[in-house]
N, C-alpha and C. Protein backbone atom coordinates (compact mmCIF):
# COMPACT_ATOMS: atom_id res chain seq x y z
N ILE A 1 29.10 -2.86 -17.48
CA ILE A 1 27.66 -2.67 -17.32
C ILE A 1 27.38 -2.43 -15.84
N GLY A 2 26.67 -1.37 -15.55
CA GLY A 2 26.32 -1.06 -14.17
C GLY A 2 24.94 -1.58 -13.83
N PHE A 3 24.74 -1.84 -12.58
CA PHE A 3 23.44 -2.30 -12.12
C PHE A 3 22.81 -1.24 -11.24
N GLU A 4 21.54 -0.97 -11.47
CA GLU A 4 20.82 -0.01 -10.65
C GLU A 4 20.38 -0.70 -9.37
N LYS A 5 20.60 -0.03 -8.26
CA LYS A 5 20.19 -0.60 -6.98
C LYS A 5 18.66 -0.68 -6.96
N ASN A 6 18.15 -1.83 -6.58
CA ASN A 6 16.70 -2.02 -6.51
C ASN A 6 16.17 -1.35 -5.26
N VAL A 7 15.44 -0.26 -5.43
CA VAL A 7 14.90 0.48 -4.31
C VAL A 7 13.39 0.30 -4.30
N ASP A 8 12.88 -0.15 -3.19
CA ASP A 8 11.44 -0.35 -3.04
C ASP A 8 10.84 0.93 -2.46
N LYS A 9 10.34 1.80 -3.32
CA LYS A 9 9.82 3.09 -2.84
C LYS A 9 8.57 2.93 -1.99
N TRP A 10 7.91 1.79 -2.07
CA TRP A 10 6.66 1.59 -1.32
C TRP A 10 6.93 1.25 0.14
N SER A 11 8.16 0.88 0.46
CA SER A 11 8.48 0.47 1.82
C SER A 11 9.18 1.55 2.64
N THR A 12 9.33 2.73 2.08
CA THR A 12 9.96 3.78 2.87
C THR A 12 9.00 4.23 3.97
N GLN A 13 9.54 4.75 5.04
CA GLN A 13 8.72 5.20 6.17
C GLN A 13 7.69 6.24 5.71
N GLU A 14 8.10 7.14 4.82
CA GLU A 14 7.21 8.19 4.34
C GLU A 14 6.05 7.61 3.53
N GLU A 15 6.35 6.64 2.66
CA GLU A 15 5.29 6.03 1.85
C GLU A 15 4.31 5.22 2.70
N ILE A 16 4.83 4.50 3.67
CA ILE A 16 3.96 3.73 4.57
C ILE A 16 3.04 4.68 5.33
N GLN A 17 3.61 5.75 5.89
CA GLN A 17 2.80 6.70 6.63
C GLN A 17 1.76 7.37 5.74
N HIS A 18 2.13 7.66 4.51
CA HIS A 18 1.21 8.28 3.56
C HIS A 18 0.00 7.36 3.33
N ARG A 19 0.26 6.07 3.13
CA ARG A 19 -0.85 5.11 2.92
C ARG A 19 -1.70 4.97 4.17
N VAL A 20 -1.07 4.94 5.34
CA VAL A 20 -1.81 4.84 6.60
C VAL A 20 -2.71 6.07 6.77
N ASP A 21 -2.18 7.24 6.45
CA ASP A 21 -2.98 8.47 6.55
C ASP A 21 -4.20 8.43 5.63
N LYS A 22 -4.02 7.89 4.42
CA LYS A 22 -5.15 7.77 3.48
C LYS A 22 -6.21 6.81 4.02
N ILE A 23 -5.75 5.70 4.56
CA ILE A 23 -6.69 4.72 5.13
C ILE A 23 -7.45 5.34 6.30
N ASN A 24 -6.74 6.04 7.18
CA ASN A 24 -7.38 6.70 8.32
C ASN A 24 -8.43 7.69 7.86
N LEU A 25 -8.16 8.42 6.79
CA LEU A 25 -9.11 9.41 6.28
C LEU A 25 -10.39 8.73 5.82
N VAL A 26 -10.24 7.67 5.05
CA VAL A 26 -11.40 6.96 4.51
C VAL A 26 -12.16 6.20 5.61
N ALA A 27 -11.41 5.51 6.48
CA ALA A 27 -12.03 4.67 7.50
C ALA A 27 -12.43 5.45 8.75
N LYS A 28 -12.04 6.72 8.81
CA LYS A 28 -12.32 7.55 9.98
C LYS A 28 -11.75 6.91 11.25
N THR A 29 -10.49 6.49 11.14
CA THR A 29 -9.77 5.89 12.27
C THR A 29 -8.55 6.74 12.57
N ASP A 30 -7.85 6.38 13.61
CA ASP A 30 -6.64 7.11 13.99
C ASP A 30 -5.52 6.12 14.26
N PHE A 31 -5.34 5.17 13.33
CA PHE A 31 -4.30 4.16 13.47
C PHE A 31 -2.94 4.81 13.36
N LYS A 32 -2.01 4.42 14.22
CA LYS A 32 -0.63 4.91 14.19
C LYS A 32 0.29 3.76 13.80
N TYR A 33 1.06 3.96 12.74
CA TYR A 33 2.03 2.94 12.32
C TYR A 33 3.27 3.06 13.19
N THR A 34 3.67 1.95 13.81
CA THR A 34 4.82 1.96 14.71
C THR A 34 5.97 1.09 14.21
N GLY A 35 5.86 0.62 12.98
CA GLY A 35 6.92 -0.24 12.44
C GLY A 35 6.62 -1.71 12.59
N ILE A 36 5.57 -2.04 13.33
CA ILE A 36 5.15 -3.43 13.49
C ILE A 36 4.01 -3.68 12.51
N PRO A 37 4.11 -4.71 11.66
CA PRO A 37 3.05 -4.95 10.69
C PRO A 37 1.73 -5.30 11.39
N VAL A 38 0.71 -4.53 11.12
CA VAL A 38 -0.61 -4.73 11.71
C VAL A 38 -1.65 -4.48 10.62
N VAL A 39 -2.70 -5.25 10.64
CA VAL A 39 -3.80 -5.03 9.72
C VAL A 39 -4.98 -4.53 10.53
N GLY A 40 -5.62 -3.49 10.08
CA GLY A 40 -6.78 -2.95 10.78
C GLY A 40 -6.38 -1.97 11.86
N ASP A 41 -7.31 -1.70 12.73
CA ASP A 41 -7.04 -0.72 13.79
C ASP A 41 -6.96 -1.41 15.15
N GLY A 42 -6.45 -2.64 15.14
CA GLY A 42 -6.32 -3.43 16.36
C GLY A 42 -5.18 -2.96 17.23
N TYR A 43 -4.89 -3.74 18.23
CA TYR A 43 -3.82 -3.39 19.15
C TYR A 43 -2.79 -4.50 19.18
N ILE A 44 -1.61 -4.18 19.62
CA ILE A 44 -0.53 -5.15 19.75
C ILE A 44 -0.49 -5.60 21.20
N GLU A 45 -0.77 -6.89 21.42
CA GLU A 45 -0.80 -7.38 22.80
C GLU A 45 0.56 -7.93 23.22
N SER A 46 1.32 -8.45 22.29
CA SER A 46 2.58 -9.09 22.65
C SER A 46 3.65 -8.77 21.61
N PRO A 47 4.18 -7.53 21.59
CA PRO A 47 5.14 -7.17 20.54
C PRO A 47 6.52 -7.82 20.69
N GLU A 48 6.90 -8.26 21.88
CA GLU A 48 8.24 -8.81 22.08
C GLU A 48 8.33 -10.32 21.94
N LYS A 49 7.22 -11.03 21.95
CA LYS A 49 7.29 -12.48 21.85
C LYS A 49 6.12 -12.99 21.01
N TYR A 50 6.31 -14.19 20.48
CA TYR A 50 5.26 -14.81 19.68
C TYR A 50 4.16 -15.36 20.57
N VAL A 51 2.95 -15.36 20.03
CA VAL A 51 1.80 -15.89 20.73
C VAL A 51 1.42 -17.20 20.05
N SER A 52 1.09 -18.19 20.84
CA SER A 52 0.66 -19.47 20.28
C SER A 52 -0.60 -19.24 19.45
N PRO A 53 -0.60 -19.61 18.18
CA PRO A 53 -1.78 -19.36 17.34
C PRO A 53 -3.07 -19.93 17.91
N GLN A 54 -2.99 -21.08 18.55
CA GLN A 54 -4.18 -21.69 19.13
C GLN A 54 -4.81 -20.79 20.18
N TYR A 55 -3.99 -20.26 21.06
CA TYR A 55 -4.54 -19.43 22.13
C TYR A 55 -4.84 -18.02 21.66
N LEU A 56 -4.20 -17.57 20.60
CA LEU A 56 -4.58 -16.30 19.98
C LEU A 56 -6.01 -16.41 19.45
N TYR A 57 -6.31 -17.53 18.82
CA TYR A 57 -7.67 -17.76 18.32
C TYR A 57 -8.68 -17.70 19.47
N TYR A 58 -8.38 -18.36 20.57
CA TYR A 58 -9.31 -18.37 21.69
C TYR A 58 -9.47 -16.98 22.30
N GLN A 59 -8.41 -16.20 22.35
CA GLN A 59 -8.50 -14.84 22.87
C GLN A 59 -9.37 -13.98 21.96
N GLN A 60 -9.20 -14.14 20.66
CA GLN A 60 -10.04 -13.40 19.72
C GLN A 60 -11.50 -13.82 19.84
N LEU A 61 -11.73 -15.11 20.00
CA LEU A 61 -13.09 -15.60 20.18
C LEU A 61 -13.70 -15.05 21.45
N LEU A 62 -12.93 -15.03 22.53
CA LEU A 62 -13.39 -14.47 23.79
C LEU A 62 -13.73 -12.99 23.64
N ASP A 63 -12.85 -12.23 23.00
CA ASP A 63 -13.09 -10.80 22.80
C ASP A 63 -14.34 -10.54 21.97
N ARG A 64 -14.57 -11.37 20.98
CA ARG A 64 -15.67 -11.11 20.04
C ARG A 64 -16.99 -11.74 20.44
N LYS A 65 -16.93 -12.94 21.04
CA LYS A 65 -18.18 -13.68 21.30
C LYS A 65 -18.42 -14.00 22.76
N GLY A 66 -17.42 -13.84 23.61
CA GLY A 66 -17.61 -14.05 25.04
C GLY A 66 -17.16 -15.41 25.53
N GLU A 67 -17.21 -15.54 26.85
CA GLU A 67 -16.71 -16.73 27.53
C GLU A 67 -17.47 -17.99 27.12
N GLY A 68 -18.77 -17.87 26.93
CA GLY A 68 -19.57 -19.04 26.55
C GLY A 68 -19.13 -19.66 25.23
N ALA A 69 -18.76 -18.82 24.29
CA ALA A 69 -18.31 -19.33 22.99
C ALA A 69 -17.00 -20.10 23.13
N VAL A 70 -16.10 -19.60 23.97
CA VAL A 70 -14.83 -20.29 24.19
C VAL A 70 -15.07 -21.62 24.89
N LYS A 71 -15.93 -21.62 25.91
CA LYS A 71 -16.22 -22.86 26.64
C LYS A 71 -16.87 -23.90 25.76
N ALA A 72 -17.59 -23.45 24.74
CA ALA A 72 -18.28 -24.39 23.85
C ALA A 72 -17.31 -25.16 22.95
N VAL A 73 -16.09 -24.64 22.75
CA VAL A 73 -15.16 -25.30 21.83
C VAL A 73 -13.85 -25.74 22.49
N THR A 74 -13.78 -25.69 23.81
CA THR A 74 -12.54 -26.07 24.51
C THR A 74 -12.81 -27.11 25.59
N SER A 75 -11.75 -27.81 25.96
CA SER A 75 -11.84 -28.78 27.05
C SER A 75 -11.66 -28.06 28.38
N VAL A 76 -11.94 -28.75 29.46
CA VAL A 76 -11.77 -28.18 30.80
C VAL A 76 -10.29 -27.81 31.02
N GLU A 77 -9.38 -28.66 30.55
CA GLU A 77 -7.95 -28.39 30.70
C GLU A 77 -7.55 -27.11 29.95
N GLN A 78 -8.06 -26.94 28.73
CA GLN A 78 -7.77 -25.73 27.96
C GLN A 78 -8.35 -24.49 28.64
N GLN A 79 -9.54 -24.64 29.20
CA GLN A 79 -10.18 -23.51 29.86
C GLN A 79 -9.37 -23.03 31.06
N LYS A 80 -8.73 -23.96 31.76
CA LYS A 80 -7.87 -23.58 32.89
C LYS A 80 -6.71 -22.72 32.43
N ILE A 81 -6.15 -23.03 31.27
CA ILE A 81 -5.05 -22.25 30.72
C ILE A 81 -5.57 -20.90 30.21
N ILE A 82 -6.65 -20.93 29.48
CA ILE A 82 -7.17 -19.70 28.86
C ILE A 82 -7.67 -18.72 29.90
N PHE A 83 -8.44 -19.20 30.86
CA PHE A 83 -9.04 -18.30 31.85
C PHE A 83 -8.20 -18.16 33.11
N GLY A 84 -7.13 -18.94 33.22
CA GLY A 84 -6.26 -18.85 34.39
C GLY A 84 -6.93 -19.25 35.67
N LYS A 85 -7.86 -20.19 35.58
CA LYS A 85 -8.59 -20.63 36.78
C LYS A 85 -8.17 -22.03 37.17
């Protein structure tokens, strides 16, 4: 009895690019798939190393709501790390 090799046709480079192109058409974006899993049309800030989830949250909060929002939910010690002051 022979076994058929399990091939995931959805994960080929061509299929991924095809889906990205469809999303770009509908969303009117110009996202480029680079092999790094990304959701949305965001950017990759640290592709070579992991980012601490806690500080990723604060960076996203800063980007979206500003410095005041981050200061409202962090300690002075955390603010020194986040803002580099």
